[in-house]
Amino acid sequence: MPPKRADPRARPHVPRSPRVYQRTIARLTRIAVTEGYGSTQTRRTLHFLLHTDRGLSSRADYVDPQHVPDFDGDVAWFEVEKIERGGDHRWPWWRAVRQVEPPADA
């Protein structure tokens, strides 16, 4: 009798990098709240609003603060990517790759 083969479902899969669905240059606006009073007052970023060329009638896209590099001010231009779902994300999500200069027509 031949030896039993291992169950193919038990093989570990090599993790792969997430697939990028879309890349674009977009303006991100910081949405923040101020908490506390006086000397204990702090400002906390809730999320970033992603502005694209789709116009005001489209639904808004948001970017989690952990996926945006630090920058000064409340508005900046970034190269952003829409990434496939997986891991901790149950749907495709946006991440800012790097800060760029605003486009000439902005």
C-alpha atoms as a PDB file:
ATOM      1  CA  MET A   1       0.000   0.000   0.000  1.00  0.00           C
ATOM      2  CA  PRO A   2       1.467   3.422  -0.948  1.00  0.00           C
ATOM      3  CA  PRO A   3       2.170   5.932   1.838  1.00  0.00           C
ATOM      4  CA  LYS A   4      -0.558   8.466   2.596  1.00  0.00           C
ATOM      5  CA  ARG A   5      -0.112  11.900   1.088  1.00  0.00           C
ATOM      6  CA  ALA A   6      -0.438  15.047   3.131  1.00  0.00           C
ATOM      7  CA  ASP A   7      -3.672  16.965   2.844  1.00  0.00           C
ATOM      8  CA  PRO A   8      -3.069  19.710   0.204  1.00  0.00           C
ATOM      9  CA  ARG A   9      -5.146  22.154   2.246  1.00  0.00           C
ATOM     10  CA  ALA A  10      -2.659  21.848   5.107  1.00  0.00           C
ATOM     11  CA  ARG A  11       0.230  23.318   3.096  1.00  0.00           C
ATOM     12  CA  PRO A  12       1.287  26.767   4.263  1.00  0.00           C
ATOM     13  CA  HIS A  13       0.806  29.455   1.649  1.00  0.00           C
ATOM     14  CA  VAL A  14       3.511  31.962   0.913  1.00  0.00           C
ATOM     15  CA  PRO A  15       2.186  35.434   1.770  1.00  0.00           C
ATOM     16  CA  ARG A  16       2.101  37.774  -1.191  1.00  0.00           C
ATOM     17  CA  SER A  17       1.998  41.524  -1.350  1.00  0.00           C
ATOM     18  CA  PRO A  18      -1.510  42.970  -1.787  1.00  0.00           C
ATOM     19  CA  ARG A  19      -2.656  43.817  -5.304  1.00  0.00           C
ATOM     20  CA  VAL A  20      -2.920  47.500  -6.237  1.00  0.00           C
ATOM     21  CA  TYR A  21      -6.188  48.255  -8.050  1.00  0.00           C
ATOM     22  CA  GLN A  22      -5.666  51.925  -8.778  1.00  0.00           C
ATOM     23  CA  ARG A  23      -2.994  54.646  -8.486  1.00  0.00           C
ATOM     24  CA  THR A  24      -3.674  58.368  -8.647  1.00  0.00           C
ATOM     25  CA  ILE A  25      -2.580  61.770  -7.367  1.00  0.00           C
ATOM     26  CA  ALA A  26      -5.108  63.168  -4.895  1.00  0.00           C
ATOM     27  CA  ARG A  27      -5.524  65.884  -2.296  1.00  0.00           C
ATOM     28  CA  LEU A  28      -5.950  64.662   1.283  1.00  0.00           C
ATOM     29  CA  THR A  29      -7.645  66.821   3.906  1.00  0.00           C
ATOM     30  CA  ARG A  30      -7.092  66.060   7.587  1.00  0.00           C
ATOM     31  CA  ILE A  31     -10.277  65.707   9.665  1.00  0.00           C
ATOM     32  CA  ALA A  32      -9.315  66.251  13.310  1.00  0.00           C
ATOM     33  CA  VAL A  33     -10.867  66.970  16.696  1.00  0.00           C
ATOM     34  CA  THR A  34      -9.540  68.987  19.608  1.00  0.00           C
ATOM     35  CA  GLU A  35      -9.818  67.237  22.965  1.00  0.00           C
ATOM     36  CA  GLY A  36      -9.299  68.601  26.468  1.00  0.00           C
ATOM     37  CA  TYR A  37      -9.062  72.121  27.852  1.00  0.00           C
ATOM     38  CA  GLY A  38      -6.282  74.595  28.584  1.00  0.00           C
ATOM     39  CA  SER A  39      -2.788  73.119  28.833  1.00  0.00           C
ATOM     40  CA  THR A  40      -4.086  69.550  28.348  1.00  0.00           C
ATOM     41  CA  GLN A  41      -5.643  70.348  24.985  1.00  0.00           C
ATOM     42  CA  THR A  42      -4.623  67.919  22.222  1.00  0.00           C
ATOM     43  CA  ARG A  43      -5.526  67.528  18.563  1.00  0.00           C
ATOM     44  CA  ARG A  44      -6.263  64.053  17.216  1.00  0.00           C
ATOM     45  CA  THR A  45      -6.641  63.061  13.552  1.00  0.00           C
ATOM     46  CA  LEU A  46      -9.787  61.013  12.913  1.00  0.00           C
ATOM     47  CA  HIS A  47      -9.242  60.307   9.209  1.00  0.00           C
ATOM     48  CA  PHE A  48      -8.284  61.927   5.922  1.00  0.00           C
ATOM     49  CA  LEU A  49     -10.802  62.856   3.245  1.00  0.00           C
ATOM     50  CA  LEU A  50      -9.697  61.820  -0.239  1.00  0.00           C
ATOM     51  CA  HIS A  51     -10.511  64.363  -2.961  1.00  0.00           C
ATOM     52  CA  THR A  52     -10.490  63.021  -6.512  1.00  0.00           C
ATOM     53  CA  ASP A  53     -11.770  64.275  -9.862  1.00  0.00           C
ATOM     54  CA  ARG A  54     -15.131  62.482  -9.475  1.00  0.00           C
ATOM     55  CA  GLY A  55     -16.902  65.612  -8.254  1.00  0.00           C
ATOM     56  CA  LEU A  56     -19.096  66.475  -5.298  1.00  0.00           C
ATOM     57  CA  SER A  57     -21.976  64.152  -6.198  1.00  0.00           C
ATOM     58  CA  SER A  58     -19.926  60.977  -5.642  1.00  0.00           C
ATOM     59  CA  ARG A  59     -19.570  59.306  -2.283  1.00  0.00           C
ATOM     60  CA  ALA A  60     -16.541  60.276  -0.234  1.00  0.00           C
ATOM     61  CA  ASP A  61     -13.469  58.120   0.198  1.00  0.00           C
ATOM     62  CA  TYR A  62     -11.557  58.074   3.454  1.00  0.00           C
ATOM     63  CA  VAL A  63      -7.992  57.163   4.341  1.00  0.00           C
ATOM     64  CA  ASP A  64      -7.021  55.820   7.755  1.00  0.00           C
ATOM     65  CA  PRO A  65      -4.359  57.965   9.507  1.00  0.00           C
ATOM     66  CA  GLN A  66      -2.082  54.938   9.916  1.00  0.00           C
ATOM     67  CA  HIS A  67      -1.828  54.721   6.099  1.00  0.00           C
ATOM     68  CA  VAL A  68      -0.714  58.344   5.556  1.00  0.00           C
ATOM     69  CA  PRO A  69       2.860  59.602   6.078  1.00  0.00           C
ATOM     70  CA  ASP A  70       3.259  62.550   8.473  1.00  0.00           C
ATOM     71  CA  PHE A  71       3.016  66.027   6.960  1.00  0.00           C
ATOM     72  CA  ASP A  72       2.595  69.618   8.150  1.00  0.00           C
ATOM     73  CA  GLY A  73      -0.742  71.386   7.800  1.00  0.00           C
ATOM     74  CA  ASP A  74      -4.211  70.042   7.120  1.00  0.00           C
ATOM     75  CA  VAL A  75      -4.107  69.654   3.322  1.00  0.00           C
ATOM     76  CA  ALA A  76      -1.479  68.010   1.103  1.00  0.00           C
ATOM     77  CA  TRP A  77      -1.173  66.178  -2.214  1.00  0.00           C
ATOM     78  CA  PHE A  78      -0.207  62.500  -2.246  1.00  0.00           C
ATOM     79  CA  GLU A  79       0.263  59.614  -4.609  1.00  0.00           C
ATOM     80  CA  VAL A  80      -2.407  57.189  -3.358  1.00  0.00           C
ATOM     81  CA  GLU A  81      -3.136  53.537  -4.092  1.00  0.00           C
ATOM     82  CA  LYS A  82      -6.316  51.513  -3.741  1.00  0.00           C
ATOM     83  CA  ILE A  83      -5.330  48.120  -2.311  1.00  0.00           C
ATOM     84  CA  GLU A  84      -7.217  44.814  -2.436  1.00  0.00           C
ATOM     85  CA  ARG A  85      -8.942  43.588   0.690  1.00  0.00           C
ATOM     86  CA  GLY A  86      -7.211  41.113   2.957  1.00  0.00           C
ATOM     87  CA  GLY A  87      -5.637  40.809   6.362  1.00  0.00           C
ATOM     88  CA  ASP A  88      -7.399  43.268   8.671  1.00  0.00           C
ATOM     89  CA  HIS A  89      -9.390  44.833   5.818  1.00  0.00           C
ATOM     90  CA  ARG A  90     -12.720  43.414   4.673  1.00  0.00           C
ATOM     91  CA  TRP A  91     -12.936  45.673   1.594  1.00  0.00           C
ATOM     92  CA  PRO A  92     -10.480  47.516  -0.685  1.00  0.00           C
ATOM     93  CA  TRP A  93      -8.791  50.441   1.064  1.00  0.00           C
ATOM     94  CA  TRP A  94      -6.670  53.489   0.220  1.00  0.00           C
ATOM     95  CA  ARG A  95      -3.130  54.243   1.341  1.00  0.00           C
ATOM     96  CA  ALA A  96      -0.956  57.278   0.689  1.00  0.00           C
ATOM     97  CA  VAL A  97       2.416  56.277  -0.739  1.00  0.00           C
ATOM     98  CA  ARG A  98       4.314  59.562  -0.798  1.00  0.00           C
ATOM     99  CA  GLN A  99       3.724  63.288  -0.737  1.00  0.00           C
ATOM    100  CA  VAL A 100       3.963  65.037  -4.122  1.00  0.00           C
ATOM    101  CA  GLU A 101       3.706  68.555  -5.516  1.00  0.00           C
ATOM    102  CA  PRO A 102       0.189  69.635  -6.534  1.00  0.00           C
ATOM    103  CA  PRO A 103      -0.624  69.214 -10.233  1.00  0.00           C
ATOM    104  CA  ALA A 104      -0.393  72.296 -12.452  1.00  0.00           C
ATOM    105  CA  ASP A 105      -4.165  72.410 -13.032  1.00  0.00           C
ATOM    106  CA  ALA A 106      -5.054  72.231  -9.302  1.00  0.00           C
END
